[in-house]
Amino acid sequence: MNDTPDTVVRLVADRHRAMTPTERCRAASSMFETARAMVDSSLPSGLTLEERRLAAIRRLYRGELPESALVMHAKFRPTEP
């Protein structure tokens, strides 16, 4: 379904073309961070860190990555240098 008028589609496309690569990257990063914050705020309280990470990554990437990769992400803990 697409209910966006063609003039608006063209305006948005023109605006994106006028952006520098850095501006496009910042815009995409900002939208992703907003999506993550929305997912985080919708998760139930009382989850462990691992449970929260798994729930969030499932919402963002289920169907895009295998379940085993999502579980590995949830369990990952960076090592101290």
N, C-alpha and C. Protein backbone atom coordinates (compact mmCIF):
# COMPACT_ATOMS: atom_id res chain seq x y z
N MET A 1 0.84 -1.17 0.00
CA MET A 1 0.00 0.00 0.00
C MET A 1 0.88 1.24 0.00
N ASN A 2 0.52 2.21 -0.79
CA ASN A 2 1.26 3.47 -0.83
C ASN A 2 0.25 4.60 -0.94
N ASP A 3 0.09 5.35 0.13
CA ASP A 3 -0.87 6.45 0.11
C ASP A 3 -0.18 7.81 0.12
N THR A 4 1.12 7.82 -0.19
CA THR A 4 1.89 9.06 -0.21
C THR A 4 1.78 9.69 -1.60
N PRO A 5 1.37 10.95 -1.67
CA PRO A 5 1.27 11.61 -2.97
C PRO A 5 2.63 11.65 -3.68
N ASP A 6 2.61 11.55 -5.00
CA ASP A 6 3.84 11.55 -5.79
C ASP A 6 4.68 12.80 -5.54
N THR A 7 4.04 13.94 -5.33
CA THR A 7 4.81 15.17 -5.09
C THR A 7 5.62 15.06 -3.81
N VAL A 8 5.06 14.43 -2.78
CA VAL A 8 5.77 14.26 -1.51
C VAL A 8 6.91 13.26 -1.69
N VAL A 9 6.66 12.18 -2.43
CA VAL A 9 7.72 11.20 -2.72
C VAL A 9 8.89 11.89 -3.40
N ARG A 10 8.61 12.73 -4.38
CA ARG A 10 9.68 13.44 -5.09
C ARG A 10 10.42 14.41 -4.16
N LEU A 11 9.68 15.12 -3.31
CA LEU A 11 10.33 16.06 -2.38
C LEU A 11 11.28 15.33 -1.43
N VAL A 12 10.83 14.20 -0.91
CA VAL A 12 11.67 13.43 0.01
C VAL A 12 12.89 12.89 -0.73
N ALA A 13 12.69 12.34 -1.92
CA ALA A 13 13.82 11.81 -2.70
C ALA A 13 14.82 12.92 -3.03
N ASP A 14 14.31 14.09 -3.40
CA ASP A 14 15.20 15.22 -3.69
C ASP A 14 16.00 15.63 -2.44
N ARG A 15 15.33 15.64 -1.30
CA ARG A 15 16.01 16.00 -0.06
C ARG A 15 17.11 15.00 0.27
N HIS A 16 16.83 13.71 0.11
CA HIS A 16 17.85 12.70 0.38
C HIS A 16 19.02 12.82 -0.59
N ARG A 17 18.73 13.08 -1.85
CA ARG A 17 19.82 13.24 -2.83
C ARG A 17 20.70 14.45 -2.50
N ALA A 18 20.10 15.48 -1.90
CA ALA A 18 20.86 16.69 -1.57
C ALA A 18 21.72 16.52 -0.32
N MET A 19 21.46 15.48 0.45
CA MET A 19 22.23 15.25 1.68
C MET A 19 23.61 14.70 1.36
N THR A 20 24.55 15.06 2.19
CA THR A 20 25.88 14.47 2.06
C THR A 20 25.82 13.04 2.61
N PRO A 21 26.81 12.22 2.28
CA PRO A 21 26.83 10.87 2.88
C PRO A 21 26.81 10.90 4.40
N THR A 22 27.50 11.85 4.99
CA THR A 22 27.52 11.96 6.44
C THR A 22 26.13 12.30 6.98
N GLU A 23 25.43 13.20 6.32
CA GLU A 23 24.07 13.55 6.75
C GLU A 23 23.13 12.36 6.62
N ARG A 24 23.26 11.60 5.55
CA ARG A 24 22.41 10.42 5.37
C ARG A 24 22.70 9.38 6.45
N CYS A 25 23.97 9.20 6.77
CA CYS A 25 24.35 8.25 7.81
C CYS A 25 23.81 8.69 9.17
N ARG A 26 23.92 9.97 9.47
CA ARG A 26 23.40 10.48 10.75
C ARG A 26 21.89 10.32 10.83
N ALA A 27 21.19 10.59 9.74
CA ALA A 27 19.73 10.45 9.73
C ALA A 27 19.33 8.99 9.96
N ALA A 28 20.01 8.08 9.27
CA ALA A 28 19.70 6.65 9.43
C ALA A 28 20.01 6.20 10.86
N SER A 29 21.12 6.64 11.41
CA SER A 29 21.49 6.27 12.77
C SER A 29 20.48 6.81 13.77
N SER A 30 20.02 8.01 13.56
CA SER A 30 19.04 8.61 14.45
C SER A 30 17.73 7.83 14.42
N MET A 31 17.29 7.45 13.21
CA MET A 31 16.05 6.67 13.09
C MET A 31 16.19 5.31 13.76
N PHE A 32 17.36 4.68 13.61
CA PHE A 32 17.58 3.38 14.24
C PHE A 32 17.56 3.50 15.76
N GLU A 33 18.22 4.52 16.28
CA GLU A 33 18.25 4.72 17.74
C GLU A 33 16.84 4.98 18.27
N THR A 34 16.03 5.71 17.51
CA THR A 34 14.64 5.94 17.92
C THR A 34 13.87 4.62 17.94
N ALA A 35 14.06 3.80 16.92
CA ALA A 35 13.39 2.49 16.87
C ALA A 35 13.82 1.62 18.05
N ARG A 36 15.10 1.62 18.36
CA ARG A 36 15.59 0.84 19.51
C ARG A 36 14.97 1.33 20.81
N ALA A 37 14.88 2.64 20.97
CA ALA A 37 14.29 3.20 22.19
C ALA A 37 12.81 2.81 22.31
N MET A 38 12.11 2.79 21.19
CA MET A 38 10.70 2.39 21.20
C MET A 38 10.56 0.92 21.60
N VAL A 39 11.43 0.08 21.05
CA VAL A 39 11.40 -1.34 21.40
C VAL A 39 11.73 -1.51 22.88
N ASP A 40 12.80 -0.87 23.33
CA ASP A 40 13.20 -0.98 24.74
C ASP A 40 12.07 -0.56 25.68
N SER A 41 11.39 0.53 25.34
CA SER A 41 10.34 1.03 26.23
C SER A 41 9.12 0.11 26.26
N SER A 42 8.98 -0.75 25.26
CA SER A 42 7.82 -1.64 25.21
C SER A 42 8.06 -2.98 25.90
N LEU A 43 9.30 -3.25 26.29
CA LEU A 43 9.61 -4.53 26.93
C LEU A 43 9.15 -4.54 28.38
N PRO A 44 8.74 -5.71 28.86
CA PRO A 44 8.29 -5.78 30.26
C PRO A 44 9.45 -5.55 31.23
N SER A 45 9.12 -5.00 32.37
CA SER A 45 10.16 -4.80 33.38
C SER A 45 10.47 -6.15 34.02
N GLY A 46 11.59 -6.23 34.68
CA GLY A 46 11.95 -7.46 35.37
C GLY A 46 12.72 -8.45 34.53
N LEU A 47 13.01 -8.12 33.27
CA LEU A 47 13.80 -9.03 32.44
C LEU A 47 15.27 -8.88 32.80
N THR A 48 16.00 -9.97 32.69
CA THR A 48 17.45 -9.89 32.86
C THR A 48 18.03 -9.17 31.65
N LEU A 49 19.29 -8.78 31.74
CA LEU A 49 19.95 -8.12 30.61
C LEU A 49 19.89 -9.01 29.38
N GLU A 50 20.18 -10.29 29.54
CA GLU A 50 20.17 -11.22 28.41
C GLU A 50 18.76 -11.35 27.82
N GLU A 51 17.75 -11.42 28.67
CA GLU A 51 16.37 -11.52 28.19
C GLU A 51 15.95 -10.26 27.44
N ARG A 52 16.36 -9.09 27.96
CA ARG A 52 16.04 -7.83 27.28
C ARG A 52 16.72 -7.76 25.92
N ARG A 53 17.99 -8.14 25.89
CA ARG A 53 18.72 -8.10 24.62
C ARG A 53 18.08 -9.03 23.60
N LEU A 54 17.69 -10.22 24.03
CA LEU A 54 17.08 -11.17 23.12
C LEU A 54 15.72 -10.68 22.63
N ALA A 55 14.90 -10.16 23.53
CA ALA A 55 13.59 -9.65 23.13
C ALA A 55 13.72 -8.50 22.14
N ALA A 56 14.66 -7.59 22.40
CA ALA A 56 14.84 -6.44 21.52
C ALA A 56 15.37 -6.88 20.15
N ILE A 57 16.36 -7.74 20.13
CA ILE A 57 16.95 -8.16 18.86
C ILE A 57 15.96 -8.99 18.04
N ARG A 58 15.11 -9.75 18.72
CA ARG A 58 14.07 -10.49 18.00
C ARG A 58 13.10 -9.54 17.31
N ARG A 59 12.72 -8.48 18.00
CA ARG A 59 11.79 -7.52 17.41
C ARG A 59 12.40 -6.84 16.19
N LEU A 60 13.69 -6.57 16.25
CA LEU A 60 14.33 -5.85 15.16
C LEU A 60 14.76 -6.75 14.01
N TYR A 61 15.16 -8.00 14.29
CA TYR A 61 15.79 -8.82 13.26
C TYR A 61 15.19 -10.20 13.03
N ARG A 62 14.10 -10.55 13.72
CA ARG A 62 13.47 -11.86 13.48
C ARG A 62 13.07 -11.93 12.01
N GLY A 63 13.39 -13.03 11.39
CA GLY A 63 13.10 -13.20 9.97
C GLY A 63 14.24 -12.72 9.08
N GLU A 64 15.15 -11.94 9.64
CA GLU A 64 16.29 -11.45 8.88
C GLU A 64 17.55 -12.25 9.20
N LEU A 65 17.64 -12.73 10.43
CA LEU A 65 18.80 -13.49 10.89
C LEU A 65 18.31 -14.78 11.53
N PRO A 66 19.14 -15.82 11.50
CA PRO A 66 18.72 -17.06 12.15
C PRO A 66 18.61 -16.87 13.67
N GLU A 67 17.71 -17.63 14.27
CA GLU A 67 17.50 -17.54 15.72
C GLU A 67 18.80 -17.74 16.49
N SER A 68 19.66 -18.63 16.00
CA SER A 68 20.92 -18.88 16.70
C SER A 68 21.78 -17.61 16.77
N ALA A 69 21.74 -16.79 15.74
CA ALA A 69 22.51 -15.53 15.75
C ALA A 69 21.91 -14.56 16.76
N LEU A 70 20.58 -14.53 16.86
CA LEU A 70 19.94 -13.65 17.83
C LEU A 70 20.29 -14.05 19.25
N VAL A 71 20.28 -15.35 19.52
CA VAL A 71 20.62 -15.85 20.85
C VAL A 71 22.09 -15.55 21.16
N MET A 72 22.96 -15.76 20.18
CA MET A 72 24.39 -15.45 20.40
C MET A 72 24.59 -13.98 20.73
N HIS A 73 23.85 -13.11 20.04
CA HIS A 73 23.94 -11.67 20.34
C HIS A 73 23.52 -11.40 21.78
N ALA A 74 22.41 -12.00 22.19
CA ALA A 74 21.89 -11.77 23.54
C ALA A 74 22.87 -12.23 24.60
N LYS A 75 23.61 -13.31 24.32
CA LYS A 75 24.55 -13.87 25.31
C LYS A 75 25.93 -13.21 25.27
N PHE A 76 26.22 -12.47 24.22
CA PHE A 76 27.56 -11.89 24.04
C PHE A 76 27.89 -10.90 25.14
N ARG A 77 29.08 -11.02 25.66
CA ARG A 77 29.63 -10.08 26.63
C ARG A 77 31.02 -9.71 26.18
N PRO A 78 31.27 -8.45 25.90
CA PRO A 78 32.61 -8.05 25.48
C PRO A 78 33.63 -8.30 26.57
N THR A 79 34.82 -8.62 26.16
CA THR A 79 35.90 -8.84 27.14
C THR A 79 36.62 -7.52 27.38
N GLU A 80 37.12 -7.38 28.55
CA GLU A 80 37.90 -6.18 28.90
C GLU A 80 39.26 -6.25 28.21
N PRO A 81 39.75 -5.14 27.68
CA PRO A 81 41.08 -5.16 27.03
C PRO A 81 42.21 -5.32 28.02
